[in-house]
N, C-alpha and C. Protein backbone atom coordinates (compact mmCIF):
# COMPACT_ATOMS: atom_id res chain seq x y z
N MET A 1 0.86 -1.12 -0.31
CA MET A 1 0.11 -0.11 0.04
C MET A 1 0.90 1.26 -0.10
N LYS A 2 0.67 2.08 -0.79
CA LYS A 2 1.43 3.38 -1.08
C LYS A 2 0.87 4.37 0.17
N LYS A 3 1.64 4.99 1.03
CA LYS A 3 1.36 5.83 1.60
C LYS A 3 1.30 7.33 1.24
N PRO A 4 0.11 8.00 1.22
CA PRO A 4 0.14 9.42 0.95
C PRO A 4 1.43 10.47 1.33
N GLU A 5 1.58 11.41 0.55
CA GLU A 5 2.80 12.43 1.07
C GLU A 5 2.35 13.20 2.21
N HIS A 6 1.18 13.37 2.40
CA HIS A 6 0.77 14.45 3.54
C HIS A 6 -0.70 13.77 3.94
N HIS A 7 -0.65 14.04 5.49
CA HIS A 7 -1.94 13.53 6.33
C HIS A 7 -2.41 14.70 6.99
N PHE A 8 -3.57 15.00 6.86
CA PHE A 8 -4.15 16.08 7.57
C PHE A 8 -5.15 15.51 8.53
N LEU A 9 -5.05 15.82 10.00
CA LEU A 9 -5.92 15.60 10.87
C LEU A 9 -6.48 16.69 11.55
N VAL A 10 -7.86 16.65 11.34
CA VAL A 10 -8.60 17.90 11.99
C VAL A 10 -9.54 17.36 13.19
N CYS A 11 -9.23 18.11 14.19
CA CYS A 11 -10.00 17.77 15.31
C CYS A 11 -11.46 18.18 15.20
N ALA A 12 -12.40 17.26 15.20
CA ALA A 12 -13.95 17.72 14.96
C ALA A 12 -14.58 17.23 16.29
N SER A 13 -13.83 16.89 17.28
CA SER A 13 -14.35 16.66 18.55
C SER A 13 -15.31 15.61 18.43
N PHE A 14 -15.19 14.73 17.49
CA PHE A 14 -16.11 13.67 17.37
C PHE A 14 -16.25 12.70 18.79
N ARG A 15 -17.23 12.35 19.07
CA ARG A 15 -17.47 11.24 20.33
C ARG A 15 -17.54 9.91 19.73
N VAL A 16 -17.45 8.92 20.52
CA VAL A 16 -17.63 7.45 20.24
C VAL A 16 -18.90 7.20 19.51
N SER A 17 -20.03 8.00 20.01
CA SER A 17 -21.15 8.10 19.17
C SER A 17 -21.18 8.32 17.75
N GLY A 18 -20.14 9.13 17.46
CA GLY A 18 -19.92 9.76 15.91
C GLY A 18 -20.47 11.02 15.99
N GLU A 19 -20.97 11.64 16.90
CA GLU A 19 -21.50 13.09 17.00
C GLU A 19 -20.75 14.13 17.27
N PRO A 20 -20.49 15.23 16.44
CA PRO A 20 -19.41 16.16 16.59
C PRO A 20 -19.88 17.03 17.86
N GLN A 21 -19.18 17.14 18.98
CA GLN A 21 -19.37 17.89 19.99
C GLN A 21 -18.31 18.57 20.40
N GLY A 22 -18.27 19.76 21.49
CA GLY A 22 -17.22 20.23 21.92
C GLY A 22 -16.53 21.40 21.03
N VAL A 23 -15.56 22.15 21.66
CA VAL A 23 -14.99 23.13 21.14
C VAL A 23 -14.65 23.19 19.56
N CYS A 24 -13.83 22.26 19.18
CA CYS A 24 -13.60 22.55 17.81
C CYS A 24 -14.94 22.29 16.79
N ALA A 25 -15.71 21.38 17.14
CA ALA A 25 -16.96 21.24 16.36
C ALA A 25 -17.75 22.54 16.26
N ASN A 26 -17.81 23.31 17.68
CA ASN A 26 -18.53 24.13 17.72
C ASN A 26 -18.02 25.56 17.16
N LYS A 27 -16.63 25.64 16.99
CA LYS A 27 -16.01 26.62 16.10
C LYS A 27 -15.90 26.31 14.47
N GLY A 28 -16.53 25.60 14.08
CA GLY A 28 -16.72 25.13 12.60
C GLY A 28 -15.80 24.10 11.93
N ALA A 29 -15.13 23.23 12.88
CA ALA A 29 -14.26 22.30 12.32
C ALA A 29 -14.83 21.31 11.42
N VAL A 30 -16.14 20.87 11.44
CA VAL A 30 -16.64 20.08 10.45
C VAL A 30 -16.86 20.75 9.04
N ASP A 31 -16.99 21.99 8.99
CA ASP A 31 -17.12 22.76 7.93
C ASP A 31 -15.63 22.79 7.26
N LEU A 32 -14.59 23.03 8.09
CA LEU A 32 -13.18 23.12 7.93
C LEU A 32 -12.74 21.62 6.96
N LEU A 33 -13.46 20.59 7.55
CA LEU A 33 -12.93 19.16 7.07
C LEU A 33 -13.41 19.09 5.52
N GLY A 34 -14.40 19.49 5.31
CA GLY A 34 -15.03 19.68 3.67
C GLY A 34 -14.18 20.73 3.03
N TYR A 35 -13.96 21.91 3.53
CA TYR A 35 -13.08 22.58 2.88
C TYR A 35 -11.72 22.14 2.43
N LEU A 36 -11.11 21.63 3.46
CA LEU A 36 -9.65 21.08 3.30
C LEU A 36 -9.78 20.04 2.43
N GLU A 37 -10.49 19.13 2.34
CA GLU A 37 -10.86 18.02 1.37
C GLU A 37 -11.08 18.57 -0.04
N ASN A 38 -11.88 19.57 -0.18
CA ASN A 38 -12.03 20.04 -1.56
C ASN A 38 -10.82 20.75 -1.90
N GLU A 39 -10.13 21.46 -1.22
CA GLU A 39 -8.76 21.99 -1.75
C GLU A 39 -7.72 21.09 -1.98
N VAL A 40 -7.67 20.03 -1.27
CA VAL A 40 -6.69 18.98 -1.43
C VAL A 40 -6.61 18.28 -2.95
N ILE A 41 -8.28 18.19 -3.10
CA ILE A 41 -8.66 17.72 -4.50
C ILE A 41 -8.35 18.83 -5.61
N ASP A 42 -8.89 19.89 -5.17
CA ASP A 42 -8.36 20.85 -6.30
C ASP A 42 -6.97 21.08 -6.74
N ARG A 43 -6.20 21.10 -5.69
CA ARG A 43 -4.60 21.40 -6.08
C ARG A 43 -4.09 20.06 -6.50
N GLY A 44 -4.80 18.82 -6.41
CA GLY A 44 -4.00 17.68 -6.74
C GLY A 44 -3.06 17.39 -5.86
N LEU A 45 -3.20 17.57 -4.53
CA LEU A 45 -1.85 16.95 -3.63
C LEU A 45 -2.31 15.50 -3.26
N ASP A 46 -1.04 15.03 -3.03
CA ASP A 46 -1.18 13.31 -2.54
C ASP A 46 -1.29 13.61 -0.95
N ALA A 47 -2.51 13.83 -0.61
CA ALA A 47 -3.11 13.81 0.65
C ALA A 47 -4.17 13.36 1.04
N VAL A 48 -4.49 13.01 2.56
CA VAL A 48 -5.52 12.37 3.01
C VAL A 48 -5.95 13.19 4.20
N VAL A 49 -7.29 13.54 4.16
CA VAL A 49 -7.91 14.24 5.23
C VAL A 49 -8.56 13.40 6.18
N SER A 50 -8.33 13.66 7.43
CA SER A 50 -9.11 12.69 8.45
C SER A 50 -9.37 13.76 9.61
N SER A 51 -10.76 13.17 10.20
CA SER A 51 -11.28 13.97 11.38
C SER A 51 -10.87 12.82 12.39
N THR A 52 -10.75 13.59 13.64
CA THR A 52 -10.42 13.01 15.05
C THR A 52 -11.53 13.50 16.15
N GLY A 53 -11.14 12.61 17.10
CA GLY A 53 -11.93 12.76 18.35
C GLY A 53 -11.14 14.11 18.84
N CYS A 54 -11.37 14.53 20.23
CA CYS A 54 -10.95 15.53 20.91
C CYS A 54 -9.35 15.16 21.01
N LEU A 55 -8.69 16.39 20.61
CA LEU A 55 -7.03 16.48 20.45
C LEU A 55 -6.61 16.88 21.75
N LYS A 56 -7.39 17.46 22.84
CA LYS A 56 -7.15 17.94 24.02
C LYS A 56 -6.57 19.70 24.01
N PHE A 57 -6.54 20.23 22.86
CA PHE A 57 -6.36 21.58 22.68
C PHE A 57 -7.44 22.50 22.78
N CYS A 58 -8.43 22.32 23.34
CA CYS A 58 -9.67 22.91 23.09
C CYS A 58 -9.42 24.44 23.27
N ALA A 59 -8.53 25.11 24.02
CA ALA A 59 -8.48 26.58 23.92
C ALA A 59 -8.02 27.13 22.67
N LYS A 60 -7.39 26.18 21.88
CA LYS A 60 -6.70 26.55 20.75
C LYS A 60 -7.51 26.04 19.15
N GLY A 61 -8.73 25.33 19.37
CA GLY A 61 -9.76 24.87 18.40
C GLY A 61 -10.07 25.86 17.36
N PRO A 62 -10.43 25.42 16.33
CA PRO A 62 -10.18 24.03 15.79
C PRO A 62 -8.60 23.73 15.57
N VAL A 63 -8.25 22.70 15.82
CA VAL A 63 -6.83 22.15 15.89
C VAL A 63 -6.71 21.42 14.52
N LEU A 64 -5.35 21.46 13.82
CA LEU A 64 -5.08 20.89 12.61
C LEU A 64 -3.61 20.25 12.95
N VAL A 65 -3.61 18.92 12.75
CA VAL A 65 -2.25 18.10 12.68
C VAL A 65 -1.62 17.83 11.20
N HIS A 66 -0.49 18.21 10.95
CA HIS A 66 0.03 17.74 9.61
C HIS A 66 1.34 16.84 9.83
N TYR A 67 1.13 15.82 8.80
CA TYR A 67 2.25 14.76 8.74
C TYR A 67 2.51 14.67 7.14
N PRO A 68 3.93 14.85 7.07
CA PRO A 68 4.96 14.03 7.80
C PRO A 68 5.63 15.15 8.74
N SER A 69 5.36 16.40 8.77
CA SER A 69 5.75 17.35 9.45
C SER A 69 5.91 17.19 11.02
N GLY A 70 4.69 16.66 11.43
CA GLY A 70 4.11 16.76 12.70
C GLY A 70 3.77 17.86 13.53
N ALA A 71 3.46 19.05 12.55
CA ALA A 71 3.18 20.12 13.16
C ALA A 71 1.68 20.31 13.70
N TRP A 72 1.39 21.01 14.78
CA TRP A 72 0.30 21.15 15.29
C TRP A 72 -0.31 22.60 15.11
N TYR A 73 -1.31 22.85 14.45
CA TYR A 73 -1.91 24.18 14.37
C TYR A 73 -2.97 24.32 15.02
N GLY A 74 -3.05 25.76 15.58
CA GLY A 74 -4.37 26.13 16.27
C GLY A 74 -5.27 27.25 15.78
N GLU A 75 -6.46 27.27 16.05
CA GLU A 75 -7.47 28.23 15.59
C GLU A 75 -7.40 28.47 14.07
N MET A 76 -7.39 27.24 13.54
CA MET A 76 -7.44 27.27 11.97
C MET A 76 -8.92 27.80 11.43
N ASN A 77 -8.75 28.26 10.26
CA ASN A 77 -9.77 28.77 9.42
C ASN A 77 -9.31 28.49 7.99
N LYS A 78 -10.30 28.90 7.00
CA LYS A 78 -9.93 28.80 5.85
C LYS A 78 -8.63 29.38 5.19
N ALA A 79 -8.47 30.65 5.61
CA ALA A 79 -7.39 31.48 5.20
C ALA A 79 -6.00 30.90 5.80
N LYS A 80 -6.13 30.12 6.84
CA LYS A 80 -5.02 29.55 7.63
C LYS A 80 -4.55 28.26 6.69
N ILE A 81 -5.81 27.46 6.29
CA ILE A 81 -5.73 26.33 5.56
C ILE A 81 -4.92 26.68 4.09
N ASP A 82 -5.54 27.66 3.55
CA ASP A 82 -4.92 28.07 2.11
C ASP A 82 -3.36 28.40 2.28
N GLY A 83 -3.02 29.02 3.39
CA GLY A 83 -1.54 29.46 3.66
C GLY A 83 -0.77 28.10 3.72
N LEU A 84 -1.32 27.20 4.32
CA LEU A 84 -0.45 25.85 4.69
C LEU A 84 -0.34 25.28 3.34
N LEU A 85 -1.54 25.11 2.52
CA LEU A 85 -1.66 24.49 1.36
C LEU A 85 -0.69 24.97 0.36
N ASP A 86 -0.65 26.35 0.44
CA ASP A 86 0.16 27.08 -0.52
C ASP A 86 1.62 26.89 -0.12
N ALA A 87 2.16 26.88 1.10
CA ALA A 87 3.53 26.58 1.38
C ALA A 87 3.77 25.10 1.10
N ILE A 88 2.76 24.29 1.20
CA ILE A 88 3.18 22.84 0.96
C ILE A 88 3.37 22.58 -0.60
N GLU A 89 2.56 23.37 -1.59
CA GLU A 89 2.74 23.31 -3.14
C GLU A 89 4.06 23.82 -3.24
N ASP A 90 4.49 24.89 -2.71
CA ASP A 90 5.67 25.77 -2.92
C ASP A 90 7.11 24.95 -2.34
N GLY A 91 6.72 23.79 -1.73
CA GLY A 91 7.85 23.07 -1.06
C GLY A 91 8.67 23.66 -0.05
N GLU A 92 7.74 24.40 0.73
CA GLU A 92 8.09 25.11 1.99
C GLU A 92 7.78 24.56 3.28
N THR A 93 8.24 24.63 4.15
CA THR A 93 7.99 24.49 5.46
C THR A 93 6.81 25.42 5.95
N PRO A 94 5.56 25.00 6.20
CA PRO A 94 4.55 25.87 6.73
C PRO A 94 4.87 26.77 7.80
N GLU A 95 4.67 28.00 8.00
CA GLU A 95 5.06 28.95 8.72
C GLU A 95 3.96 29.38 9.86
N LEU A 96 2.90 28.84 9.73
CA LEU A 96 1.75 28.95 10.69
C LEU A 96 2.58 28.96 12.15
N ALA A 97 1.62 29.49 12.93
CA ALA A 97 2.07 29.52 14.48
C ALA A 97 1.71 28.07 14.88
N GLU A 98 2.73 27.38 15.42
CA GLU A 98 2.27 25.91 15.88
C GLU A 98 1.62 26.24 17.28
N LEU A 99 1.14 25.33 17.68
CA LEU A 99 0.70 25.18 19.26
C LEU A 99 2.13 25.02 20.20
């Protein structure tokens, strides 16, 4: 199995029941998941987007984790996602403020 070049994990505060609850969900993380997925497809990136349960950085939500860099980013929004993806496309290390 071929591993993707990038993996984006977005805290959507999903609970065991599958329901989005909590800070990240209340701050629009579920909408960001769709936006990020569409941008990855539109840009032709070799990437996977996954939602997660609570990542325990509620004060900084919505939280996004990028691999392979291992960087954790807080207070994500569409503009920050665009900046992150632009940097990746340019072969640069994203310079968003990490947690």
